[in-house]
Amino acid sequence: MEEIIENEDSEISYQNLLPVASILRIMKTTLPKNTKIAHKARECMQECVSEFISFITSEASEKCLQEKRKTLNGEDILSAMITLGFENYAEPLKIYLSKYRQMLKANREGTIPYYSSR
């Protein structure tokens, strides 16, 4: 998608969009097998997902600026989601983040083997 997508406040170039292949892969895992996804639906989802991530990240970044910090972390993202009204999504992500950090810690300590998803 090489066109520039414009809205009232900003311009988002195609370079700022998430790769459509990654989004399509996620979409296919949630849809019934052999479901066809129209090209326009892929583009629409790509734009929506990219805008959503930008929306959350902007709020989290604002929090970091107010607290005079330069590094965004997982808690900042979760806090931004709650502030913006996405608390139903923030709670499961908080649990996932905790489990992920436990897994990383156990991996560093050598108590569990590390398995790559690739």
PDB file of N, CA and C in Angstrom:
ATOM      1  N   MET A   1       0.852  -1.162   0.000  1.00  0.00           N
ATOM      2  CA  MET A   1       0.000   0.000   0.000  1.00  0.00           C
ATOM      3  C   MET A   1       0.899   1.226   0.000  1.00  0.00           C
ATOM      4  N   GLU A   2       1.064   1.864  -1.126  1.00  0.00           N
ATOM      5  CA  GLU A   2       2.036   2.927  -1.253  1.00  0.00           C
ATOM      6  C   GLU A   2       1.448   4.324  -1.169  1.00  0.00           C
ATOM      7  N   GLU A   3       0.165   4.439  -1.035  1.00  0.00           N
ATOM      8  CA  GLU A   3      -0.434   5.755  -0.932  1.00  0.00           C
ATOM      9  C   GLU A   3      -0.267   6.297   0.478  1.00  0.00           C
ATOM     10  N   ILE A   4      -0.428   7.586   0.613  1.00  0.00           N
ATOM     11  CA  ILE A   4      -0.378   8.195   1.941  1.00  0.00           C
ATOM     12  C   ILE A   4      -1.798   8.301   2.454  1.00  0.00           C
ATOM     13  N   ILE A   5      -1.991   7.855   3.675  1.00  0.00           N
ATOM     14  CA  ILE A   5      -3.299   7.897   4.304  1.00  0.00           C
ATOM     15  C   ILE A   5      -3.336   9.165   5.141  1.00  0.00           C
ATOM     16  N   GLU A   6      -4.323  10.000   4.909  1.00  0.00           N
ATOM     17  CA  GLU A   6      -4.399  11.266   5.623  1.00  0.00           C
ATOM     18  C   GLU A   6      -5.646  11.327   6.491  1.00  0.00           C
ATOM     19  N   ASN A   7      -5.516  11.964   7.632  1.00  0.00           N
ATOM     20  CA  ASN A   7      -6.685  12.321   8.416  1.00  0.00           C
ATOM     21  C   ASN A   7      -6.524  13.778   8.827  1.00  0.00           C
ATOM     22  N   GLU A   8      -7.457  14.309   9.588  1.00  0.00           N
ATOM     23  CA  GLU A   8      -7.446  15.736   9.908  1.00  0.00           C
ATOM     24  C   GLU A   8      -6.182  16.188  10.630  1.00  0.00           C
ATOM     25  N   ASP A   9      -5.685  15.385  11.566  1.00  0.00           N
ATOM     26  CA  ASP A   9      -4.592  15.824  12.422  1.00  0.00           C
ATOM     27  C   ASP A   9      -3.209  15.391  11.961  1.00  0.00           C
ATOM     28  N   SER A  10      -3.114  14.332  11.193  1.00  0.00           N
ATOM     29  CA  SER A  10      -1.784  13.821  10.883  1.00  0.00           C
ATOM     30  C   SER A  10      -1.766  13.078   9.567  1.00  0.00           C
ATOM     31  N   GLU A  11      -0.574  12.787   9.133  1.00  0.00           N
ATOM     32  CA  GLU A  11      -0.372  11.961   7.957  1.00  0.00           C
ATOM     33  C   GLU A  11       0.320  10.689   8.400  1.00  0.00           C
ATOM     34  N   ILE A  12      -0.168   9.566   7.916  1.00  0.00           N
ATOM     35  CA  ILE A  12       0.479   8.291   8.203  1.00  0.00           C
ATOM     36  C   ILE A  12       0.943   7.737   6.873  1.00  0.00           C
ATOM     37  N   SER A  13       2.231   7.600   6.689  1.00  0.00           N
ATOM     38  CA  SER A  13       2.714   7.045   5.432  1.00  0.00           C
ATOM     39  C   SER A  13       2.639   5.530   5.498  1.00  0.00           C
ATOM     40  N   TYR A  14       2.714   4.909   4.337  1.00  0.00           N
ATOM     41  CA  TYR A  14       2.642   3.452   4.288  1.00  0.00           C
ATOM     42  C   TYR A  14       3.751   2.813   5.103  1.00  0.00           C
ATOM     43  N   GLN A  15       4.849   3.529   5.320  1.00  0.00           N
ATOM     44  CA  GLN A  15       5.969   2.979   6.081  1.00  0.00           C
ATOM     45  C   GLN A  15       5.625   2.812   7.559  1.00  0.00           C
ATOM     46  N   ASN A  16       4.624   3.533   8.041  1.00  0.00           N
ATOM     47  CA  ASN A  16       4.237   3.440   9.443  1.00  0.00           C
ATOM     48  C   ASN A  16       3.171   2.385   9.695  1.00  0.00           C
ATOM     49  N   LEU A  17       2.730   1.718   8.652  1.00  0.00           N
ATOM     50  CA  LEU A  17       1.726   0.672   8.806  1.00  0.00           C
ATOM     51  C   LEU A  17       2.405  -0.648   9.143  1.00  0.00           C
ATOM     52  N   LEU A  18       1.738  -1.447   9.946  1.00  0.00           N
ATOM     53  CA  LEU A  18       2.253  -2.788  10.230  1.00  0.00           C
ATOM     54  C   LEU A  18       2.216  -3.617   8.952  1.00  0.00           C
ATOM     55  N   PRO A  19       3.119  -4.571   8.816  1.00  0.00           N
ATOM     56  CA  PRO A  19       3.113  -5.412   7.610  1.00  0.00           C
ATOM     57  C   PRO A  19       1.794  -6.167   7.472  1.00  0.00           C
ATOM     58  N   VAL A  20       1.192  -6.070   6.300  1.00  0.00           N
ATOM     59  CA  VAL A  20      -0.098  -6.719   6.069  1.00  0.00           C
ATOM     60  C   VAL A  20       0.024  -8.234   6.212  1.00  0.00           C
ATOM     61  N   ALA A  21       1.180  -8.803   5.890  1.00  0.00           N
ATOM     62  CA  ALA A  21       1.359 -10.254   6.021  1.00  0.00           C
ATOM     63  C   ALA A  21       1.224 -10.694   7.479  1.00  0.00           C
ATOM     64  N   SER A  22       1.753  -9.911   8.391  1.00  0.00           N
ATOM     65  CA  SER A  22       1.644 -10.243   9.820  1.00  0.00           C
ATOM     66  C   SER A  22       0.197 -10.162  10.290  1.00  0.00           C
ATOM     67  N   ILE A  23      -0.495  -9.135   9.865  1.00  0.00           N
ATOM     68  CA  ILE A  23      -1.896  -8.964  10.246  1.00  0.00           C
ATOM     69  C   ILE A  23      -2.744 -10.082   9.653  1.00  0.00           C
ATOM     70  N   LEU A  24      -2.479 -10.416   8.405  1.00  0.00           N
ATOM     71  CA  LEU A  24      -3.218 -11.486   7.735  1.00  0.00           C
ATOM     72  C   LEU A  24      -3.011 -12.820   8.448  1.00  0.00           C
ATOM     73  N   ARG A  25      -1.792 -13.083   8.882  1.00  0.00           N
ATOM     74  CA  ARG A  25      -1.493 -14.325   9.608  1.00  0.00           C
ATOM     75  C   ARG A  25      -2.316 -14.402  10.895  1.00  0.00           C
ATOM     76  N   ILE A  26      -2.412 -13.310  11.614  1.00  0.00           N
ATOM     77  CA  ILE A  26      -3.209 -13.285  12.846  1.00  0.00           C
ATOM     78  C   ILE A  26      -4.693 -13.451  12.524  1.00  0.00           C
ATOM     79  N   MET A  27      -5.155 -12.773  11.490  1.00  0.00           N
ATOM     80  CA  MET A  27      -6.565 -12.885  11.100  1.00  0.00           C
ATOM     81  C   MET A  27      -6.916 -14.330  10.759  1.00  0.00           C
ATOM     82  N   LYS A  28      -6.028 -14.995  10.044  1.00  0.00           N
ATOM     83  CA  LYS A  28      -6.300 -16.376   9.625  1.00  0.00           C
ATOM     84  C   LYS A  28      -6.377 -17.337  10.805  1.00  0.00           C
ATOM     85  N   THR A  29      -5.669 -17.034  11.895  1.00  0.00           N
ATOM     86  CA  THR A  29      -5.725 -17.932  13.056  1.00  0.00           C
ATOM     87  C   THR A  29      -7.060 -17.840  13.785  1.00  0.00           C
ATOM     88  N   THR A  30      -7.788 -16.740  13.580  1.00  0.00           N
ATOM     89  CA  THR A  30      -9.060 -16.567  14.290  1.00  0.00           C
ATOM     90  C   THR A  30     -10.281 -16.879  13.435  1.00  0.00           C
ATOM     91  N   LEU A  31     -10.087 -16.998  12.139  1.00  0.00           N
ATOM     92  CA  LEU A  31     -11.204 -17.266  11.226  1.00  0.00           C
ATOM     93  C   LEU A  31     -11.277 -18.748  10.876  1.00  0.00           C
ATOM     94  N   PRO A  32     -12.456 -19.220  10.461  1.00  0.00           N
ATOM     95  CA  PRO A  32     -12.566 -20.619  10.038  1.00  0.00           C
ATOM     96  C   PRO A  32     -11.609 -20.920   8.877  1.00  0.00           C
ATOM     97  N   LYS A  33     -11.145 -22.156   8.835  1.00  0.00           N
ATOM     98  CA  LYS A  33     -10.224 -22.578   7.784  1.00  0.00           C
ATOM     99  C   LYS A  33     -10.854 -22.322   6.413  1.00  0.00           C
ATOM    100  N   ASN A  34     -10.039 -22.001   5.449  1.00  0.00           N
ATOM    101  CA  ASN A  34     -10.447 -21.730   4.061  1.00  0.00           C
ATOM    102  C   ASN A  34     -11.254 -20.441   3.889  1.00  0.00           C
ATOM    103  N   THR A  35     -11.291 -19.597   4.910  1.00  0.00           N
ATOM    104  CA  THR A  35     -11.961 -18.309   4.772  1.00  0.00           C
ATOM    105  C   THR A  35     -11.111 -17.408   3.885  1.00  0.00           C
ATOM    106  N   LYS A  36     -11.739 -16.758   2.951  1.00  0.00           N
ATOM    107  CA  LYS A  36     -11.035 -15.824   2.081  1.00  0.00           C
ATOM    108  C   LYS A  36     -11.203 -14.414   2.645  1.00  0.00           C
ATOM    109  N   ILE A  37     -10.121 -13.657   2.602  1.00  0.00           N
ATOM    110  CA  ILE A  37     -10.139 -12.290   3.121  1.00  0.00           C
ATOM    111  C   ILE A  37      -9.880 -11.344   1.950  1.00  0.00           C
ATOM    112  N   ALA A  38     -10.835 -10.473   1.679  1.00  0.00           N
ATOM    113  CA  ALA A  38     -10.728  -9.538   0.561  1.00  0.00           C
ATOM    114  C   ALA A  38      -9.551  -8.587   0.749  1.00  0.00           C
ATOM    115  N   HIS A  39      -8.983  -8.173  -0.360  1.00  0.00           N
ATOM    116  CA  HIS A  39      -7.839  -7.257  -0.331  1.00  0.00           C
ATOM    117  C   HIS A  39      -8.183  -5.965   0.417  1.00  0.00           C
ATOM    118  N   LYS A  40      -9.362  -5.429   0.183  1.00  0.00           N
ATOM    119  CA  LYS A  40      -9.787  -4.198   0.872  1.00  0.00           C
ATOM    120  C   LYS A  40      -9.925  -4.426   2.379  1.00  0.00           C
ATOM    121  N   ALA A  41     -10.374  -5.613   2.770  1.00  0.00           N
ATOM    122  CA  ALA A  41     -10.492  -5.931   4.199  1.00  0.00           C
ATOM    123  C   ALA A  41      -9.111  -5.980   4.839  1.00  0.00           C
ATOM    124  N   ARG A  42      -8.143  -6.528   4.130  1.00  0.00           N
ATOM    125  CA  ARG A  42      -6.760  -6.569   4.639  1.00  0.00           C
ATOM    126  C   ARG A  42      -6.225  -5.152   4.839  1.00  0.00           C
ATOM    127  N   GLU A  43      -6.425  -4.310   3.829  1.00  0.00           N
ATOM    128  CA  GLU A  43      -5.955  -2.929   3.917  1.00  0.00           C
ATOM    129  C   GLU A  43      -6.637  -2.182   5.061  1.00  0.00           C
ATOM    130  N   CYS A  44      -7.933  -2.379   5.187  1.00  0.00           N
ATOM    131  CA  CYS A  44      -8.692  -1.718   6.248  1.00  0.00           C
ATOM    132  C   CYS A  44      -8.182  -2.148   7.624  1.00  0.00           C
ATOM    133  N   MET A  45      -7.979  -3.447   7.791  1.00  0.00           N
ATOM    134  CA  MET A  45      -7.482  -3.962   9.068  1.00  0.00           C
ATOM    135  C   MET A  45      -6.077  -3.428   9.336  1.00  0.00           C
ATOM    136  N   GLN A  46      -5.246  -3.366   8.310  1.00  0.00           N
ATOM    137  CA  GLN A  46      -3.892  -2.843   8.453  1.00  0.00           C
ATOM    138  C   GLN A  46      -3.925  -1.397   8.960  1.00  0.00           C
ATOM    139  N   GLU A  47      -4.780  -0.591   8.374  1.00  0.00           N
ATOM    140  CA  GLU A  47      -4.896   0.803   8.790  1.00  0.00           C
ATOM    141  C   GLU A  47      -5.445   0.918  10.209  1.00  0.00           C
ATOM    142  N   CYS A  48      -6.472   0.136  10.520  1.00  0.00           N
ATOM    143  CA  CYS A  48      -7.098   0.196  11.848  1.00  0.00           C
ATOM    144  C   CYS A  48      -6.142  -0.252  12.949  1.00  0.00           C
ATOM    145  N   VAL A  49      -5.466  -1.353  12.721  1.00  0.00           N
ATOM    146  CA  VAL A  49      -4.530  -1.877  13.721  1.00  0.00           C
ATOM    147  C   VAL A  49      -3.388  -0.886  13.938  1.00  0.00           C
ATOM    148  N   SER A  50      -2.866  -0.348  12.858  1.00  0.00           N
ATOM    149  CA  SER A  50      -1.767   0.613  12.965  1.00  0.00           C
ATOM    150  C   SER A  50      -2.212   1.868  13.707  1.00  0.00           C
ATOM    151  N   GLU A  51      -3.409   2.343  13.415  1.00  0.00           N
ATOM    152  CA  GLU A  51      -3.941   3.528  14.094  1.00  0.00           C
ATOM    153  C   GLU A  51      -4.181   3.245  15.580  1.00  0.00           C
ATOM    154  N   PHE A  52      -4.706   2.067  15.896  1.00  0.00           N
ATOM    155  CA  PHE A  52      -4.959   1.689  17.288  1.00  0.00           C
ATOM    156  C   PHE A  52      -3.652   1.667  18.083  1.00  0.00           C
ATOM    157  N   ILE A  53      -2.639   1.056  17.516  1.00  0.00           N
ATOM    158  CA  ILE A  53      -1.340   0.986  18.198  1.00  0.00           C
ATOM    159  C   ILE A  53      -0.765   2.384  18.385  1.00  0.00           C
ATOM    160  N   SER A  54      -0.894   3.220  17.378  1.00  0.00           N
ATOM    161  CA  SER A  54      -0.419   4.598  17.485  1.00  0.00           C
ATOM    162  C   SER A  54      -1.180   5.364  18.572  1.00  0.00           C
ATOM    163  N   PHE A  55      -2.478   5.154  18.651  1.00  0.00           N
ATOM    164  CA  PHE A  55      -3.340   5.795  19.648  1.00  0.00           C
ATOM    165  C   PHE A  55      -2.892   5.429  21.065  1.00  0.00           C
ATOM    166  N   ILE A  56      -2.707   4.141  21.305  1.00  0.00           N
ATOM    167  CA  ILE A  56      -2.289   3.665  22.630  1.00  0.00           C
ATOM    168  C   ILE A  56      -0.881   4.153  22.952  1.00  0.00           C
ATOM    169  N   THR A  57       0.008   4.051  21.981  1.00  0.00           N
ATOM    170  CA  THR A  57       1.400   4.446  22.194  1.00  0.00           C
ATOM    171  C   THR A  57       1.522   5.941  22.475  1.00  0.00           C
ATOM    172  N   SER A  58       0.724   6.747  21.798  1.00  0.00           N
ATOM    173  CA  SER A  58       0.755   8.195  22.042  1.00  0.00           C
ATOM    174  C   SER A  58       0.367   8.521  23.478  1.00  0.00           C
ATOM    175  N   GLU A  59      -0.674   7.858  23.970  1.00  0.00           N
ATOM    176  CA  GLU A  59      -1.105   8.078  25.358  1.00  0.00           C
ATOM    177  C   GLU A  59      -0.019   7.630  26.337  1.00  0.00           C
ATOM    178  N   ALA A  60       0.579   6.482  26.076  1.00  0.00           N
ATOM    179  CA  ALA A  60       1.642   5.972  26.949  1.00  0.00           C
ATOM    180  C   ALA A  60       2.860   6.895  26.912  1.00  0.00           C
ATOM    181  N   SER A  61       3.172   7.404  25.744  1.00  0.00           N
ATOM    182  CA  SER A  61       4.300   8.319  25.589  1.00  0.00           C
ATOM    183  C   SER A  61       4.066   9.616  26.358  1.00  0.00           C
ATOM    184  N   GLU A  62       2.841  10.094  26.323  1.00  0.00           N
ATOM    185  CA  GLU A  62       2.483  11.306  27.070  1.00  0.00           C
ATOM    186  C   GLU A  62       2.706  11.103  28.568  1.00  0.00           C
ATOM    187  N   LYS A  63       2.346   9.928  29.061  1.00  0.00           N
ATOM    188  CA  LYS A  63       2.553   9.603  30.479  1.00  0.00           C
ATOM    189  C   LYS A  63       4.047   9.628  30.813  1.00  0.00           C
ATOM    190  N   CYS A  64       4.853   9.060  29.932  1.00  0.00           N
ATOM    191  CA  CYS A  64       6.300   9.059  30.157  1.00  0.00           C
ATOM    192  C   CYS A  64       6.858  10.478  30.185  1.00  0.00           C
ATOM    193  N   LEU A  65       6.383  11.321  29.289  1.00  0.00           N
ATOM    194  CA  LEU A  65       6.837  12.711  29.270  1.00  0.00           C
ATOM    195  C   LEU A  65       6.480  13.424  30.567  1.00  0.00           C
ATOM    196  N   GLN A  66       5.262  13.215  31.050  1.00  0.00           N
ATOM    197  CA  GLN A  66       4.827  13.846  32.295  1.00  0.00           C
ATOM    198  C   GLN A  66       5.672  13.382  33.480  1.00  0.00           C
ATOM    199  N   GLU A  67       6.096  12.122  33.432  1.00  0.00           N
ATOM    200  CA  GLU A  67       6.907  11.563  34.513  1.00  0.00           C
ATOM    201  C   GLU A  67       8.403  11.735  34.262  1.00  0.00           C
ATOM    202  N   LYS A  68       8.742  12.470  33.199  1.00  0.00           N
ATOM    203  CA  LYS A  68      10.132  12.752  32.832  1.00  0.00           C
ATOM    204  C   LYS A  68      10.950  11.475  32.633  1.00  0.00           C
ATOM    205  N   ARG A  69      10.331  10.513  31.964  1.00  0.00           N
ATOM    206  CA  ARG A  69      11.024   9.267  31.622  1.00  0.00           C
ATOM    207  C   ARG A  69      11.159   9.182  30.113  1.00  0.00           C
ATOM    208  N   LYS A  70      12.209   8.494  29.658  1.00  0.00           N
ATOM    209  CA  LYS A  70      12.455   8.373  28.224  1.00  0.00           C
ATOM    210  C   LYS A  70      12.058   7.015  27.668  1.00  0.00           C
ATOM    211  N   THR A  71      11.880   6.042  28.540  1.00  0.00           N
ATOM    212  CA  THR A  71      11.611   4.679  28.078  1.00  0.00           C
ATOM    213  C   THR A  71      10.189   4.259  28.411  1.00  0.00           C
ATOM    214  N   LEU A  72       9.488   3.834  27.378  1.00  0.00           N
ATOM    215  CA  LEU A  72       8.133   3.296  27.525  1.00  0.00           C
ATOM    216  C   LEU A  72       8.233   1.842  27.961  1.00  0.00           C
ATOM    217  N   ASN A  73       7.391   1.407  28.879  1.00  0.00           N
ATOM    218  CA  ASN A  73       7.407  -0.002  29.277  1.00  0.00           C
ATOM    219  C   ASN A  73       5.996  -0.589  29.206  1.00  0.00           C
ATOM    220  N   GLY A  74       5.891  -1.857  29.507  1.00  0.00           N
ATOM    221  CA  GLY A  74       4.611  -2.550  29.425  1.00  0.00           C
ATOM    222  C   GLY A  74       3.541  -1.941  30.308  1.00  0.00           C
ATOM    223  N   GLU A  75       3.936  -1.498  31.490  1.00  0.00           N
ATOM    224  CA  GLU A  75       2.968  -0.885  32.398  1.00  0.00           C
ATOM    225  C   GLU A  75       2.413   0.414  31.817  1.00  0.00           C
ATOM    226  N   ASP A  76       3.246   1.147  31.079  1.00  0.00           N
ATOM    227  CA  ASP A  76       2.777   2.378  30.437  1.00  0.00           C
ATOM    228  C   ASP A  76       1.700   2.071  29.399  1.00  0.00           C
ATOM    229  N   ILE A  77       1.910   1.016  28.640  1.00  0.00           N
ATOM    230  CA  ILE A  77       0.928   0.609  27.626  1.00  0.00           C
ATOM    231  C   ILE A  77      -0.376   0.195  28.308  1.00  0.00           C
ATOM    232  N   LEU A  78      -0.267  -0.614  29.360  1.00  0.00           N
ATOM    233  CA  LEU A  78      -1.463  -1.057  30.082  1.00  0.00           C
ATOM    234  C   LEU A  78      -2.206   0.126  30.696  1.00  0.00           C
ATOM    235  N   SER A  79      -1.464   1.048  31.285  1.00  0.00           N
ATOM    236  CA  SER A  79      -2.071   2.238  31.878  1.00  0.00           C
ATOM    237  C   SER A  79      -2.786   3.066  30.809  1.00  0.00           C
ATOM    238  N   ALA A  80      -2.161   3.211  29.652  1.00  0.00           N
ATOM    239  CA  ALA A  80      -2.775   3.964  28.553  1.00  0.00           C
ATOM    240  C   ALA A  80      -4.060   3.292  28.093  1.00  0.00           C
ATOM    241  N   MET A  81      -4.050   1.980  28.017  1.00  0.00           N
ATOM    242  CA  MET A  81      -5.251   1.258  27.598  1.00  0.00           C
ATOM    243  C   MET A  81      -6.399   1.495  28.573  1.00  0.00           C
ATOM    244  N   ILE A  82      -6.088   1.478  29.859  1.00  0.00           N
ATOM    245  CA  ILE A  82      -7.118   1.718  30.875  1.00  0.00           C
ATOM    246  C   ILE A  82      -7.626   3.159  30.780  1.00  0.00           C
ATOM    247  N   THR A  83      -6.700   4.106  30.664  1.00  0.00           N
ATOM    248  CA  THR A  83      -7.068   5.515  30.550  1.00  0.00           C
ATOM    249  C   THR A  83      -7.981   5.763  29.353  1.00  0.00           C
ATOM    250  N   LEU A  84      -7.716   5.064  28.262  1.00  0.00           N
ATOM    251  CA  LEU A  84      -8.476   5.267  27.025  1.00  0.00           C
ATOM    252  C   LEU A  84      -9.735   4.412  26.933  1.00  0.00           C
ATOM    253  N   GLY A  85     -10.031   3.666  28.016  1.00  0.00           N
ATOM    254  CA  GLY A  85     -11.278   2.906  28.050  1.00  0.00           C
ATOM    255  C   GLY A  85     -11.188   1.470  27.560  1.00  0.00           C
ATOM    256  N   PHE A  86      -9.984   0.942  27.464  1.00  0.00           N
ATOM    257  CA  PHE A  86      -9.803  -0.435  27.003  1.00  0.00           C
ATOM    258  C   PHE A  86      -9.424  -1.370  28.153  1.00  0.00           C
ATOM    259  N   GLU A  87     -10.010  -1.134  29.331  1.00  0.00           N
ATOM    260  CA  GLU A  87      -9.652  -1.936  30.502  1.00  0.00           C
ATOM    261  C   GLU A  87      -9.963  -3.419  30.318  1.00  0.00           C
ATOM    262  N   ASN A  88     -10.969  -3.743  29.521  1.00  0.00           N
ATOM    263  CA  ASN A  88     -11.290  -5.159  29.280  1.00  0.00           C
ATOM    264  C   ASN A  88     -10.158  -5.883  28.568  1.00  0.00           C
ATOM    265  N   TYR A  89      -9.365  -5.149  27.809  1.00  0.00           N
ATOM    266  CA  TYR A  89      -8.220  -5.741  27.121  1.00  0.00           C
ATOM    267  C   TYR A  89      -6.966  -5.670  27.986  1.00  0.00           C
ATOM    268  N   ALA A  90      -6.892  -4.653  28.824  1.00  0.00           N
ATOM    269  CA  ALA A  90      -5.695  -4.445  29.637  1.00  0.00           C
ATOM    270  C   ALA A  90      -5.493  -5.559  30.661  1.00  0.00           C
ATOM    271  N   GLU A  91      -6.567  -6.026  31.281  1.00  0.00           N
ATOM    272  CA  GLU A  91      -6.428  -7.070  32.309  1.00  0.00           C
ATOM    273  C   GLU A  91      -5.817  -8.363  31.764  1.00  0.00           C
ATOM    274  N   PRO A  92      -6.339  -8.925  30.661  1.00  0.00           N
ATOM    275  CA  PRO A  92      -5.702 -10.136  30.122  1.00  0.00           C
ATOM    276  C   PRO A  92      -4.255  -9.888  29.695  1.00  0.00           C
ATOM    277  N   LEU A  93      -3.977  -8.690  29.169  1.00  0.00           N
ATOM    278  CA  LEU A  93      -2.606  -8.381  28.774  1.00  0.00           C
ATOM    279  C   LEU A  93      -1.682  -8.277  29.980  1.00  0.00           C
ATOM    280  N   LYS A  94      -2.208  -7.773  31.088  1.00  0.00           N
ATOM    281  CA  LYS A  94      -1.419  -7.685  32.321  1.00  0.00           C
ATOM    282  C   LYS A  94      -1.017  -9.086  32.783  1.00  0.00           C
ATOM    283  N   ILE A  95      -1.948 -10.018  32.719  1.00  0.00           N
ATOM    284  CA  ILE A  95      -1.668 -11.411  33.094  1.00  0.00           C
ATOM    285  C   ILE A  95      -0.630 -12.004  32.147  1.00  0.00           C
ATOM    286  N   TYR A  96      -0.810 -11.780  30.849  1.00  0.00           N
ATOM    287  CA  TYR A  96       0.131 -12.294  29.860  1.00  0.00           C
ATOM    288  C   TYR A  96       1.527 -11.722  30.091  1.00  0.00           C
ATOM    289  N   LEU A  97       1.620 -10.408  30.334  1.00  0.00           N
ATOM    290  CA  LEU A  97       2.911  -9.763  30.563  1.00  0.00           C
ATOM    291  C   LEU A  97       3.603 -10.356  31.784  1.00  0.00           C
ATOM    292  N   SER A  98       2.850 -10.597  32.837  1.00  0.00           N
ATOM    293  CA  SER A  98       3.409 -11.199  34.045  1.00  0.00           C
ATOM    294  C   SER A  98       3.959 -12.595  33.762  1.00  0.00           C
ATOM    295  N   LYS A  99       3.189 -13.407  33.059  1.00  0.00           N
ATOM    296  CA  LYS A  99       3.642 -14.763  32.725  1.00  0.00           C
ATOM    297  C   LYS A  99       4.854 -14.726  31.798  1.00  0.00           C
ATOM    298  N   TYR A 100       4.845 -13.803  30.862  1.00  0.00           N
ATOM    299  CA  TYR A 100       5.968 -13.663  29.938  1.00  0.00           C
ATOM    300  C   TYR A 100       7.244 -13.303  30.694  1.00  0.00           C
ATOM    301  N   ARG A 101       7.136 -12.364  31.628  1.00  0.00           N
ATOM    302  CA  ARG A 101       8.308 -11.970  32.421  1.00  0.00           C
ATOM    303  C   ARG A 101       8.794 -13.113  33.305  1.00  0.00           C
ATOM    304  N   GLN A 102       7.869 -13.897  33.852  1.00  0.00           N
ATOM    305  CA  GLN A 102       8.262 -15.071  34.641  1.00  0.00           C
ATOM    306  C   GLN A 102       9.020 -16.068  33.779  1.00  0.00           C
ATOM    307  N   MET A 103       8.554 -16.262  32.548  1.00  0.00           N
ATOM    308  CA  MET A 103       9.210 -17.185  31.636  1.00  0.00           C
ATOM    309  C   MET A 103      10.615 -16.692  31.284  1.00  0.00           C
ATOM    310  N   LEU A 104      10.758 -15.390  31.038  1.00  0.00           N
ATOM    311  CA  LEU A 104      12.077 -14.837  30.738  1.00  0.00           C
ATOM    312  C   LEU A 104      13.026 -14.995  31.918  1.00  0.00           C
ATOM    313  N   LYS A 105      12.520 -14.744  33.116  1.00  0.00           N
ATOM    314  CA  LYS A 105      13.342 -14.878  34.316  1.00  0.00           C
ATOM    315  C   LYS A 105      13.785 -16.326  34.502  1.00  0.00           C
ATOM    316  N   ALA A 106      12.862 -17.252  34.344  1.00  0.00           N
ATOM    317  CA  ALA A 106      13.197 -18.673  34.474  1.00  0.00           C
ATOM    318  C   ALA A 106      14.208 -19.077  33.407  1.00  0.00           C
ATOM    319  N   ASN A 107      14.079 -18.533  32.223  1.00  0.00           N
ATOM    320  CA  ASN A 107      15.016 -18.836  31.146  1.00  0.00           C
ATOM    321  C   ASN A 107      16.412 -18.321  31.490  1.00  0.00           C
ATOM    322  N   ARG A 108      16.498 -17.096  32.030  1.00  0.00           N
ATOM    323  CA  ARG A 108      17.799 -16.531  32.425  1.00  0.00           C
ATOM    324  C   ARG A 108      18.448 -17.360  33.520  1.00  0.00           C
ATOM    325  N   GLU A 109      17.626 -17.870  34.423  1.00  0.00           N
ATOM    326  CA  GLU A 109      18.145 -18.675  35.528  1.00  0.00           C
ATOM    327  C   GLU A 109      18.425 -20.112  35.113  1.00  0.00           C
ATOM    328  N   GLY A 110      18.043 -20.450  33.888  1.00  0.00           N
ATOM    329  CA  GLY A 110      18.301 -21.790  33.388  1.00  0.00           C
ATOM    330  C   GLY A 110      17.366 -22.850  33.929  1.00  0.00           C
ATOM    331  N   THR A 111      16.216 -22.446  34.435  1.00  0.00           N
ATOM    332  CA  THR A 111      15.294 -23.436  35.006  1.00  0.00           C
ATOM    333  C   THR A 111      14.318 -24.006  33.989  1.00  0.00           C
ATOM    334  N   ILE A 112      14.177 -23.354  32.842  1.00  0.00           N
ATOM    335  CA  ILE A 112      13.349 -23.929  31.774  1.00  0.00           C
ATOM    336  C   ILE A 112      14.053 -23.705  30.443  1.00  0.00           C
ATOM    337  N   PRO A 113      13.850 -24.590  29.486  1.00  0.00           N
ATOM    338  CA  PRO A 113      14.461 -24.371  28.172  1.00  0.00           C
ATOM    339  C   PRO A 113      13.717 -23.282  27.413  1.00  0.00           C
ATOM    340  N   TYR A 114      14.425 -22.563  26.586  1.00  0.00           N
ATOM    341  CA  TYR A 114      13.815 -21.518  25.771  1.00  0.00           C
ATOM    342  C   TYR A 114      13.433 -22.110  24.427  1.00  0.00           C
ATOM    343  N   TYR A 115      12.178 -21.944  24.048  1.00  0.00           N
ATOM    344  CA  TYR A 115      11.699 -22.421  22.756  1.00  0.00           C
ATOM    345  C   TYR A 115      11.286 -21.227  21.921  1.00  0.00           C
ATOM    346  N   SER A 116      11.926 -21.059  20.794  1.00  0.00           N
ATOM    347  CA  SER A 116      11.579 -19.977  19.890  1.00  0.00           C
ATOM    348  C   SER A 116      10.325 -20.338  19.119  1.00  0.00           C
ATOM    349  N   SER A 117       9.542 -19.336  18.778  1.00  0.00           N
ATOM    350  CA  SER A 117       8.330 -19.585  17.994  1.00  0.00           C
ATOM    351  C   SER A 117       8.647 -19.679  16.509  1.00  0.00           C
ATOM    352  N   ARG A 118       9.874 -19.479  16.144  1.00  0.00           N
ATOM    353  CA  ARG A 118      10.261 -19.544  14.723  1.00  0.00           C
ATOM    354  C   ARG A 118      10.866 -20.863  14.383  1.00  0.00           C
TER     355      ARG A 118
END
